[in-house]
PDB file of all heavy atoms in Angstrom:
ATOM      1  N   ASN A   1      99.828-123.101  18.518  1.00  0.00           N
ATOM      2  CA  ASN A   1     100.830-122.109  18.926  1.00  0.00           C
ATOM      3  C   ASN A   1     100.355-120.628  18.573  1.00  0.00           C
ATOM      4  O   ASN A   1     100.507-119.741  19.446  1.00  0.00           O
ATOM      5  CB  ASN A   1     102.152-122.365  18.232  1.00  0.00           C
ATOM      6  CG  ASN A   1     102.986-123.442  18.864  1.00  0.00           C
ATOM      7  OD1 ASN A   1     103.737-123.178  19.767  1.00  0.00           O
ATOM      8  ND2 ASN A   1     102.788-124.696  18.393  1.00  0.00           N
ATOM      9  N   ASN A   2      99.751-120.502  17.443  1.00  0.00           N
ATOM     10  CA  ASN A   2      99.252-119.115  17.038  1.00  0.00           C
ATOM     11  C   ASN A   2      98.155-118.689  17.905  1.00  0.00           C
ATOM     12  O   ASN A   2      98.095-117.441  18.249  1.00  0.00           O
ATOM     13  CB  ASN A   2      98.852-119.157  15.550  1.00  0.00           C
ATOM     14  CG  ASN A   2      99.972-119.333  14.610  1.00  0.00           C
ATOM     15  OD1 ASN A   2     101.182-119.136  14.955  1.00  0.00           O
ATOM     16  ND2 ASN A   2      99.713-119.752  13.419  1.00  0.00           N
ATOM     17  N   TYR A   3      97.296-119.567  18.343  1.00  0.00           N
ATOM     18  CA  TYR A   3      96.197-119.173  19.203  1.00  0.00           C
ATOM     19  C   TYR A   3      96.638-118.794  20.563  1.00  0.00           C
ATOM     20  O   TYR A   3      96.217-117.765  21.077  1.00  0.00           O
ATOM     21  CB  TYR A   3      95.137-120.382  19.282  1.00  0.00           C
ATOM     22  CG  TYR A   3      93.886-119.976  20.001  1.00  0.00           C
ATOM     23  CD1 TYR A   3      93.032-119.024  19.427  1.00  0.00           C
ATOM     24  CD2 TYR A   3      93.560-120.583  21.191  1.00  0.00           C
ATOM     25  CE1 TYR A   3      91.887-118.694  20.131  1.00  0.00           C
ATOM     26  CE2 TYR A   3      92.383-120.203  21.909  1.00  0.00           C
ATOM     27  CZ  TYR A   3      91.523-119.298  21.304  1.00  0.00           C
ATOM     28  OH  TYR A   3      90.357-118.920  21.983  1.00  0.00           O
ATOM     29  N   PHE A   4      97.455-119.549  21.173  1.00  0.00           N
ATOM     30  CA  PHE A   4      97.996-119.213  22.464  1.00  0.00           C
ATOM     31  C   PHE A   4      98.722-117.874  22.424  1.00  0.00           C
ATOM     32  O   PHE A   4      98.521-117.017  23.303  1.00  0.00           O
ATOM     33  CB  PHE A   4      98.925-120.298  22.988  1.00  0.00           C
ATOM     34  CG  PHE A   4      99.344-120.066  24.436  1.00  0.00           C
ATOM     35  CD1 PHE A   4      98.534-120.374  25.501  1.00  0.00           C
ATOM     36  CD2 PHE A   4     100.544-119.491  24.727  1.00  0.00           C
ATOM     37  CE1 PHE A   4      98.852-120.123  26.814  1.00  0.00           C
ATOM     38  CE2 PHE A   4     100.969-119.294  26.002  1.00  0.00           C
ATOM     39  CZ  PHE A   4     100.131-119.603  27.084  1.00  0.00           C
ATOM     40  N   ASN A   5      99.586-117.707  21.456  1.00  0.00           N
ATOM     41  CA  ASN A   5     100.277-116.369  21.373  1.00  0.00           C
ATOM     42  C   ASN A   5      99.361-115.208  21.168  1.00  0.00           C
ATOM     43  O   ASN A   5      99.541-114.104  21.627  1.00  0.00           O
ATOM     44  CB  ASN A   5     101.262-116.460  20.187  1.00  0.00           C
ATOM     45  CG  ASN A   5     102.485-117.367  20.533  1.00  0.00           C
ATOM     46  OD1 ASN A   5     102.812-117.661  21.672  1.00  0.00           O
ATOM     47  ND2 ASN A   5     103.102-117.934  19.446  1.00  0.00           N
ATOM     48  N   HIS A   6      98.276-115.482  20.417  1.00  0.00           N
ATOM     49  CA  HIS A   6      97.273-114.472  20.174  1.00  0.00           C
ATOM     50  C   HIS A   6      96.574-114.046  21.514  1.00  0.00           C
ATOM     51  O   HIS A   6      96.396-112.850  21.788  1.00  0.00           O
ATOM     52  CB  HIS A   6      96.151-114.997  19.232  1.00  0.00           C
ATOM     53  CG  HIS A   6      94.928-114.282  19.169  1.00  0.00           C
ATOM     54  ND1 HIS A   6      94.779-113.045  18.562  1.00  0.00           N
ATOM     55  CD2 HIS A   6      93.647-114.535  19.723  1.00  0.00           C
ATOM     56  CE1 HIS A   6      93.549-112.610  18.648  1.00  0.00           C
ATOM     57  NE2 HIS A   6      92.876-113.454  19.338  1.00  0.00           N
ATOM     58  N   LEU A   7      96.273-115.045  22.337  1.00  0.00           N
ATOM     59  CA  LEU A   7      95.612-114.777  23.614  1.00  0.00           C
ATOM     60  C   LEU A   7      96.584-114.072  24.540  1.00  0.00           C
ATOM     61  O   LEU A   7      96.142-113.118  25.305  1.00  0.00           O
ATOM     62  CB  LEU A   7      95.162-116.025  24.321  1.00  0.00           C
ATOM     63  CG  LEU A   7      94.058-116.832  23.560  1.00  0.00           C
ATOM     64  CD1 LEU A   7      93.700-118.089  24.444  1.00  0.00           C
ATOM     65  CD2 LEU A   7      92.858-116.005  23.258  1.00  0.00           C
ATOM     66  N   VAL A   8      97.852-114.342  24.465  1.00  0.00           N
ATOM     67  CA  VAL A   8      98.845-113.675  25.298  1.00  0.00           C
ATOM     68  C   VAL A   8      98.876-112.176  24.888  1.00  0.00           C
ATOM     69  O   VAL A   8      98.870-111.242  25.738  1.00  0.00           O
ATOM     70  CB  VAL A   8     100.292-114.276  25.078  1.00  0.00           C
ATOM     71  CG1 VAL A   8     101.348-113.401  25.729  1.00  0.00           C
ATOM     72  CG2 VAL A   8     100.343-115.637  25.742  1.00  0.00           C
ATOM     73  N   LEU A   9      98.920-111.869  23.612  1.00  0.00           N
ATOM     74  CA  LEU A   9      98.918-110.524  23.098  1.00  0.00           C
ATOM     75  C   LEU A   9      97.711-109.748  23.544  1.00  0.00           C
ATOM     76  O   LEU A   9      97.783-108.577  23.963  1.00  0.00           O
ATOM     77  CB  LEU A   9      99.104-110.504  21.556  1.00  0.00           C
ATOM     78  CG  LEU A   9     100.452-110.990  21.048  1.00  0.00           C
ATOM     79  CD1 LEU A   9     100.383-111.028  19.513  1.00  0.00           C
ATOM     80  CD2 LEU A   9     101.549-110.040  21.526  1.00  0.00           C
ATOM     81  N   ILE A  10      96.565-110.377  23.446  1.00  0.00           N
ATOM     82  CA  ILE A  10      95.290-109.707  23.813  1.00  0.00           C
ATOM     83  C   ILE A  10      95.321-109.401  25.316  1.00  0.00           C
ATOM     84  O   ILE A  10      94.922-108.277  25.754  1.00  0.00           O
ATOM     85  CB  ILE A  10      94.109-110.603  23.547  1.00  0.00           C
ATOM     86  CG1 ILE A  10      93.888-110.801  22.032  1.00  0.00           C
ATOM     87  CG2 ILE A  10      92.809-110.012  24.156  1.00  0.00           C
ATOM     88  CD1 ILE A  10      93.495-109.523  21.314  1.00  0.00           C
ATOM     89  N   SER A  11      95.726-110.339  26.143  1.00  0.00           N
ATOM     90  CA  SER A  11      95.784-110.122  27.581  1.00  0.00           C
ATOM     91  C   SER A  11      96.760-108.958  27.930  1.00  0.00           C
ATOM     92  O   SER A  11      96.522-108.159  28.836  1.00  0.00           O
ATOM     93  CB  SER A  11      96.217-111.405  28.328  1.00  0.00           C
ATOM     94  OG  SER A  11      97.455-111.789  28.031  1.00  0.00           O
ATOM     95  N   GLU A  12      97.933-108.920  27.247  1.00  0.00           N
ATOM     96  CA  GLU A  12      98.868-107.881  27.539  1.00  0.00           C
ATOM     97  C   GLU A  12      98.349-106.496  27.033  1.00  0.00           C
ATOM     98  O   GLU A  12      98.517-105.526  27.727  1.00  0.00           O
ATOM     99  CB  GLU A  12     100.198-108.176  26.799  1.00  0.00           C
ATOM    100  CG  GLU A  12     100.893-109.360  27.447  1.00  0.00           C
ATOM    101  CD  GLU A  12     102.205-109.731  26.679  1.00  0.00           C
ATOM    102  OE1 GLU A  12     102.332-109.276  25.517  1.00  0.00           O
ATOM    103  OE2 GLU A  12     103.021-110.548  27.220  1.00  0.00           O
ATOM    104  N   LYS A  13      97.688-106.457  25.877  1.00  0.00           N
ATOM    105  CA  LYS A  13      97.200-105.262  25.346  1.00  0.00           C
ATOM    106  C   LYS A  13      96.183-104.586  26.190  1.00  0.00           C
ATOM    107  O   LYS A  13      96.217-103.359  26.451  1.00  0.00           O
ATOM    108  CB  LYS A  13      96.589-105.467  23.930  1.00  0.00           C
ATOM    109  CG  LYS A  13      96.084-104.228  23.266  1.00  0.00           C
ATOM    110  CD  LYS A  13      95.547-104.528  21.879  1.00  0.00           C
ATOM    111  CE  LYS A  13      95.002-103.221  21.229  1.00  0.00           C
ATOM    112  NZ  LYS A  13      94.476-103.572  19.838  1.00  0.00           N
ATOM    113  N   PHE A  14      95.250-105.408  26.777  1.00  0.00           N
ATOM    114  CA  PHE A  14      94.207-104.873  27.593  1.00  0.00           C
ATOM    115  C   PHE A  14      94.411-105.051  29.049  1.00  0.00           C
ATOM    116  O   PHE A  14      93.528-104.823  29.865  1.00  0.00           O
ATOM    117  CB  PHE A  14      92.867-105.543  27.183  1.00  0.00           C
ATOM    118  CG  PHE A  14      92.427-105.150  25.774  1.00  0.00           C
ATOM    119  CD1 PHE A  14      92.685-106.019  24.712  1.00  0.00           C
ATOM    120  CD2 PHE A  14      91.900-103.928  25.481  1.00  0.00           C
ATOM    121  CE1 PHE A  14      92.318-105.668  23.403  1.00  0.00           C
ATOM    122  CE2 PHE A  14      91.567-103.549  24.247  1.00  0.00           C
ATOM    123  CZ  PHE A  14      91.773-104.442  23.147  1.00  0.00           C
ATOM    124  N   GLU A  15      95.642-105.529  29.431  1.00  0.00           N
ATOM    125  CA  GLU A  15      96.043-105.695  30.794  1.00  0.00           C
ATOM    126  C   GLU A  15      95.093-106.575  31.598  1.00  0.00           C
ATOM    127  O   GLU A  15      94.630-106.260  32.701  1.00  0.00           O
ATOM    128  CB  GLU A  15      96.215-104.313  31.515  1.00  0.00           C
ATOM    129  CG  GLU A  15      97.225-103.409  30.872  1.00  0.00           C
ATOM    130  CD  GLU A  15      97.457-102.094  31.574  1.00  0.00           C
ATOM    131  OE1 GLU A  15      96.537-101.727  32.318  1.00  0.00           O
ATOM    132  OE2 GLU A  15      98.458-101.503  31.370  1.00  0.00           O
ATOM    133  N   ILE A  16      94.802-107.728  31.000  1.00  0.00           N
ATOM    134  CA  ILE A  16      93.862-108.663  31.613  1.00  0.00           C
ATOM    135  C   ILE A  16      94.693-109.859  32.254  1.00  0.00           C
ATOM    136  O   ILE A  16      95.605-110.380  31.562  1.00  0.00           O
ATOM    137  CB  ILE A  16      92.930-109.288  30.553  1.00  0.00           C
ATOM    138  CG1 ILE A  16      92.067-108.180  29.949  1.00  0.00           C
ATOM    139  CG2 ILE A  16      91.981-110.386  31.113  1.00  0.00           C
ATOM    140  CD1 ILE A  16      91.254-108.613  28.756  1.00  0.00           C
ATOM    141  N   PRO A  17      94.412-110.177  33.456  1.00  0.00           N
ATOM    142  CA  PRO A  17      95.126-111.379  34.074  1.00  0.00           C
ATOM    143  C   PRO A  17      95.006-112.561  33.191  1.00  0.00           C
ATOM    144  O   PRO A  17      93.849-112.930  32.769  1.00  0.00           O
ATOM    145  CB  PRO A  17      94.477-111.556  35.464  1.00  0.00           C
ATOM    146  CG  PRO A  17      93.894-110.135  35.717  1.00  0.00           C
ATOM    147  CD  PRO A  17      93.470-109.536  34.396  1.00  0.00           C
ATOM    148  N   PHE A  18      96.123-113.237  32.897  1.00  0.00           N
ATOM    149  CA  PHE A  18      96.120-114.414  31.957  1.00  0.00           C
ATOM    150  C   PHE A  18      96.557-115.669  32.717  1.00  0.00           C
ATOM    151  O   PHE A  18      97.694-115.720  33.233  1.00  0.00           O
ATOM    152  CB  PHE A  18      97.071-114.131  30.809  1.00  0.00           C
ATOM    153  CG  PHE A  18      96.955-115.112  29.699  1.00  0.00           C
ATOM    154  CD1 PHE A  18      95.783-115.371  29.053  1.00  0.00           C
ATOM    155  CD2 PHE A  18      98.105-115.822  29.349  1.00  0.00           C
ATOM    156  CE1 PHE A  18      95.683-116.291  28.038  1.00  0.00           C
ATOM    157  CE2 PHE A  18      98.066-116.764  28.338  1.00  0.00           C
ATOM    158  CZ  PHE A  18      96.899-117.002  27.678  1.00  0.00           C
ATOM    159  N   ARG A  19      95.681-116.644  32.794  1.00  0.00           N
ATOM    160  CA  ARG A  19      95.990-117.842  33.579  1.00  0.00           C
ATOM    161  C   ARG A  19      96.144-119.088  32.779  1.00  0.00           C
ATOM    162  O   ARG A  19      96.314-120.184  33.273  1.00  0.00           O
ATOM    163  CB  ARG A  19      94.844-118.047  34.635  1.00  0.00           C
ATOM    164  CG  ARG A  19      94.598-116.938  35.667  1.00  0.00           C
ATOM    165  CD  ARG A  19      93.514-117.314  36.618  1.00  0.00           C
ATOM    166  NE  ARG A  19      93.902-118.499  37.464  1.00  0.00           N
ATOM    167  CZ  ARG A  19      92.976-119.175  38.170  1.00  0.00           C
ATOM    168  NH1 ARG A  19      91.688-118.921  38.023  1.00  0.00           N
ATOM    169  NH2 ARG A  19      93.431-120.180  38.943  1.00  0.00           N
ATOM    170  N   TRP A  20      96.068-118.883  31.468  1.00  0.00           N
ATOM    171  CA  TRP A  20      96.257-120.087  30.570  1.00  0.00           C
ATOM    172  C   TRP A  20      97.717-120.592  30.560  1.00  0.00           C
ATOM    173  O   TRP A  20      98.646-119.746  30.799  1.00  0.00           O
ATOM    174  CB  TRP A  20      95.910-119.760  29.152  1.00  0.00           C
ATOM    175  CG  TRP A  20      94.442-119.536  28.907  1.00  0.00           C
ATOM    176  CD1 TRP A  20      93.536-118.792  29.650  1.00  0.00           C
ATOM    177  CD2 TRP A  20      93.658-120.137  27.862  1.00  0.00           C
ATOM    178  NE1 TRP A  20      92.240-118.852  29.119  1.00  0.00           N
ATOM    179  CE2 TRP A  20      92.310-119.631  27.990  1.00  0.00           C
ATOM    180  CE3 TRP A  20      93.925-120.919  26.805  1.00  0.00           C
ATOM    181  CZ2 TRP A  20      91.328-119.996  27.111  1.00  0.00           C
ATOM    182  CZ3 TRP A  20      92.963-121.306  25.906  1.00  0.00           C
ATOM    183  CH2 TRP A  20      91.612-120.820  26.068  1.00  0.00           C
ATOM    184  N   LYS A  21      97.878-121.838  30.372  1.00  0.00           N
ATOM    185  CA  LYS A  21      99.249-122.428  30.187  1.00  0.00           C
ATOM    186  C   LYS A  21      99.210-123.266  28.891  1.00  0.00           C
ATOM    187  O   LYS A  21      98.181-123.674  28.382  1.00  0.00           O
ATOM    188  CB  LYS A  21      99.570-123.348  31.356  1.00  0.00           C
ATOM    189  CG  LYS A  21      99.670-122.666  32.708  1.00  0.00           C
ATOM    190  CD  LYS A  21      99.987-123.641  33.819  1.00  0.00           C
ATOM    191  CE  LYS A  21     100.080-122.899  35.157  1.00  0.00           C
ATOM    192  NZ  LYS A  21     100.436-123.837  36.261  1.00  0.00           N
ATOM    193  N   PHE A  22     100.434-123.456  28.339  1.00  0.00           N
ATOM    194  CA  PHE A  22     100.552-124.122  27.088  1.00  0.00           C
ATOM    195  C   PHE A  22     101.719-125.110  27.150  1.00  0.00           C
ATOM    196  O   PHE A  22     102.867-124.767  27.528  1.00  0.00           O
ATOM    197  CB  PHE A  22     100.830-123.079  26.010  1.00  0.00           C
ATOM    198  CG  PHE A  22     100.935-123.704  24.593  1.00  0.00           C
ATOM    199  CD1 PHE A  22      99.851-124.059  23.812  1.00  0.00           C
ATOM    200  CD2 PHE A  22     102.256-123.890  24.062  1.00  0.00           C
ATOM    201  CE1 PHE A  22     100.035-124.605  22.583  1.00  0.00           C
ATOM    202  CE2 PHE A  22     102.405-124.446  22.796  1.00  0.00           C
ATOM    203  CZ  PHE A  22     101.239-124.743  22.026  1.00  0.00           C
ATOM    204  N   TYR A  23     101.460-126.351  26.714  1.00  0.00           N
ATOM    205  CA  TYR A  23     102.468-127.413  26.683  1.00  0.00           C
ATOM    206  C   TYR A  23     102.443-128.230  25.405  1.00  0.00           C
ATOM    207  O   TYR A  23     101.386-128.498  24.913  1.00  0.00           O
ATOM    208  CB  TYR A  23     102.291-128.356  27.895  1.00  0.00           C
ATOM    209  CG  TYR A  23     102.360-127.763  29.254  1.00  0.00           C
ATOM    210  CD1 TYR A  23     101.237-127.583  30.028  1.00  0.00           C
ATOM    211  CD2 TYR A  23     103.589-127.357  29.776  1.00  0.00           C
ATOM    212  CE1 TYR A  23     101.280-126.993  31.264  1.00  0.00           C
ATOM    213  CE2 TYR A  23     103.678-126.792  31.021  1.00  0.00           C
ATOM    214  CZ  TYR A  23     102.555-126.618  31.775  1.00  0.00           C
ATOM    215  OH  TYR A  23     102.614-126.056  33.078  1.00  0.00           O
ATOM    216  N   VAL A  24     103.601-128.461  24.946  1.00  0.00           N
ATOM    217  CA  VAL A  24     103.812-129.404  23.774  1.00  0.00           C
ATOM    218  C   VAL A  24     104.061-130.797  24.351  1.00  0.00           C
ATOM    219  O   VAL A  24     105.009-130.914  25.142  1.00  0.00           O
ATOM    220  CB  VAL A  24     104.872-128.923  22.851  1.00  0.00           C
ATOM    221  CG1 VAL A  24     105.140-129.970  21.745  1.00  0.00           C
ATOM    222  CG2 VAL A  24     104.629-127.541  22.254  1.00  0.00           C
ATOM    223  N   VAL A  25     103.289-131.751  24.023  1.00  0.00           N
ATOM    224  CA  VAL A  25     103.470-133.132  24.431  1.00  0.00           C
ATOM    225  C   VAL A  25     104.361-133.875  23.504  1.00  0.00           C
ATOM    226  O   VAL A  25     103.993-134.052  22.245  1.00  0.00           O
ATOM    227  CB  VAL A  25     102.172-133.863  24.661  1.00  0.00           C
ATOM    228  CG1 VAL A  25     102.387-135.261  25.150  1.00  0.00           C
ATOM    229  CG2 VAL A  25     101.189-133.093  25.517  1.00  0.00           C
ATOM    230  N   GLU A  26     105.581-134.171  23.867  1.00  0.00           N
ATOM    231  CA  GLU A  26     106.612-134.710  22.933  1.00  0.00           C
ATOM    232  C   GLU A  26     106.236-136.100  22.378  1.00  0.00           C
ATOM    233  O   GLU A  26     105.667-136.926  23.152  1.00  0.00           O
ATOM    234  CB  GLU A  26     107.932-134.756  23.642  1.00  0.00           C
ATOM    235  CG  GLU A  26     108.510-133.358  24.033  1.00  0.00           C
ATOM    236  CD  GLU A  26     109.872-133.487  24.689  1.00  0.00           C
ATOM    237  OE1 GLU A  26     110.311-134.610  24.949  1.00  0.00           O
ATOM    238  OE2 GLU A  26     110.468-132.372  24.940  1.00  0.00           O
ATOM    239  N   ASN A  27     106.627-136.310  21.123  1.00  0.00           N
ATOM    240  CA  ASN A  27     106.460-137.591  20.507  1.00  0.00           C
ATOM    241  C   ASN A  27     105.011-138.141  20.480  1.00  0.00           C
ATOM    242  O   ASN A  27     104.796-139.321  20.449  1.00  0.00           O
ATOM    243  CB  ASN A  27     107.344-138.621  21.144  1.00  0.00           C
ATOM    244  CG  ASN A  27     108.838-138.338  21.092  1.00  0.00           C
ATOM    245  OD1 ASN A  27     109.339-137.918  20.075  1.00  0.00           O
ATOM    246  ND2 ASN A  27     109.580-138.429  22.181  1.00  0.00           N
ATOM    247  N   VAL A  28     104.082-137.193  20.462  1.00  0.00           N
ATOM    248  CA  VAL A  28     102.656-137.596  20.375  1.00  0.00           C
ATOM    249  C   VAL A  28     101.969-136.823  19.182  1.00  0.00           C
ATOM    250  O   VAL A  28     102.228-135.655  19.021  1.00  0.00           O
ATOM    251  CB  VAL A  28     101.936-137.265  21.693  1.00  0.00           C
ATOM    252  CG1 VAL A  28     100.437-137.560  21.577  1.00  0.00           C
ATOM    253  CG2 VAL A  28     102.535-138.081  22.894  1.00  0.00           C
ATOM    254  N   GLY A  29     101.179-137.581  18.492  1.00  0.00           N
ATOM    255  CA  GLY A  29     100.453-136.990  17.390  1.00  0.00           C
ATOM    256  C   GLY A  29      99.014-136.701  17.838  1.00  0.00           C
ATOM    257  O   GLY A  29      98.774-136.262  18.933  1.00  0.00           O
ATOM    258  N   HIS A  30      98.094-136.967  16.891  1.00  0.00           N
ATOM    259  CA  HIS A  30      96.651-136.736  17.192  1.00  0.00           C
ATOM    260  C   HIS A  30      96.101-137.999  17.844  1.00  0.00           C
ATOM    261  O   HIS A  30      95.253-138.711  17.313  1.00  0.00           O
ATOM    262  CB  HIS A  30      95.939-136.444  15.880  1.00  0.00           C
ATOM    263  CG  HIS A  30      94.616-135.712  16.076  1.00  0.00           C
ATOM    264  ND1 HIS A  30      94.519-134.434  16.594  1.00  0.00           N
ATOM    265  CD2 HIS A  30      93.348-136.120  15.907  1.00  0.00           C
ATOM    266  CE1 HIS A  30      93.256-134.144  16.661  1.00  0.00           C
ATOM    267  NE2 HIS A  30      92.513-135.104  16.271  1.00  0.00           N
ATOM    268  N   GLU A  31      96.486-138.189  19.111  1.00  0.00           N
ATOM    269  CA  GLU A  31      96.206-139.439  19.794  1.00  0.00           C
ATOM    270  C   GLU A  31      95.593-139.081  21.211  1.00  0.00           C
ATOM    271  O   GLU A  31      96.261-138.704  22.142  1.00  0.00           O
ATOM    272  CB  GLU A  31      97.480-140.274  20.055  1.00  0.00           C
ATOM    273  CG  GLU A  31      98.223-140.550  18.757  1.00  0.00           C
ATOM    274  CD  GLU A  31      99.631-141.090  18.988  1.00  0.00           C
ATOM    275  OE1 GLU A  31      99.789-142.287  19.226  1.00  0.00           O
ATOM    276  OE2 GLU A  31     100.561-140.228  18.965  1.00  0.00           O
ATOM    277  N   ASN A  32      94.322-139.327  21.261  1.00  0.00           N
ATOM    278  CA  ASN A  32      93.575-138.980  22.507  1.00  0.00           C
ATOM    279  C   ASN A  32      94.062-139.812  23.706  1.00  0.00           C
ATOM    280  O   ASN A  32      94.148-139.266  24.829  1.00  0.00           O
ATOM    281  CB  ASN A  32      92.066-139.136  22.317  1.00  0.00           C
ATOM    282  CG  ASN A  32      91.314-138.735  23.578  1.00  0.00           C
ATOM    283  OD1 ASN A  32      91.577-137.729  24.166  1.00  0.00           O
ATOM    284  ND2 ASN A  32      90.390-139.632  23.989  1.00  0.00           N
ATOM    285  N   LYS A  33      94.402-141.086  23.525  1.00  0.00           N
ATOM    286  CA  LYS A  33      94.803-141.873  24.623  1.00  0.00           C
ATOM    287  C   LYS A  33      96.040-141.334  25.330  1.00  0.00           C
ATOM    288  O   LYS A  33      96.061-141.236  26.602  1.00  0.00           O
ATOM    289  CB  LYS A  33      95.016-143.339  24.125  1.00  0.00           C
ATOM    290  CG  LYS A  33      95.367-144.261  25.299  1.00  0.00           C
ATOM    291  CD  LYS A  33      95.529-145.758  24.753  1.00  0.00           C
ATOM    292  CE  LYS A  33      95.856-146.668  25.966  1.00  0.00           C
ATOM    293  NZ  LYS A  33      95.958-148.074  25.470  1.00  0.00           N
ATOM    294  N   LYS A  34      97.009-140.896  24.516  1.00  0.00           N
ATOM    295  CA  LYS A  34      98.268-140.378  25.145  1.00  0.00           C
ATOM    296  C   LYS A  34      97.980-138.948  25.692  1.00  0.00           C
ATOM    297  O   LYS A  34      98.587-138.587  26.712  1.00  0.00           O
ATOM    298  CB  LYS A  34      99.330-140.386  24.051  1.00  0.00           C
ATOM    299  CG  LYS A  34      99.767-141.803  23.658  1.00  0.00           C
ATOM    300  CD  LYS A  34     100.893-141.739  22.659  1.00  0.00           C
ATOM    301  CE  LYS A  34     101.305-143.195  22.260  1.00  0.00           C
ATOM    302  NZ  LYS A  34     102.361-143.146  21.183  1.00  0.00           N
ATOM    303  N   MET A  35      97.243-138.192  24.982  1.00  0.00           N
ATOM    304  CA  MET A  35      96.931-136.791  25.407  1.00  0.00           C
ATOM    305  C   MET A  35      96.096-136.781  26.666  1.00  0.00           C
ATOM    306  O   MET A  35      96.301-135.917  27.551  1.00  0.00           O
ATOM    307  CB  MET A  35      96.251-136.014  24.299  1.00  0.00           C
ATOM    308  CG  MET A  35      97.036-135.871  23.007  1.00  0.00           C
ATOM    309  SD  MET A  35      98.577-135.001  23.184  1.00  0.00           S
ATOM    310  CE  MET A  35      97.986-133.319  23.401  1.00  0.00           C
ATOM    311  N   SER A  36      95.194-137.748  26.748  1.00  0.00           N
ATOM    312  CA  SER A  36      94.363-137.725  27.968  1.00  0.00           C
ATOM    313  C   SER A  36      95.098-138.108  29.242  1.00  0.00           C
ATOM    314  O   SER A  36      94.811-137.679  30.355  1.00  0.00           O
ATOM    315  CB  SER A  36      93.178-138.697  27.785  1.00  0.00           C
ATOM    316  OG  SER A  36      93.603-140.004  27.540  1.00  0.00           O
TER     317      SER A  36
END
């Protein structure tokens, strides 16, 4: 969360087009099978 918010702030500060997206995958931990 902190990294994505950091990138948003950088893009806004320097007026750079920002194409990143961020999603929280519910009820999933550090599990590659579900994340993949």
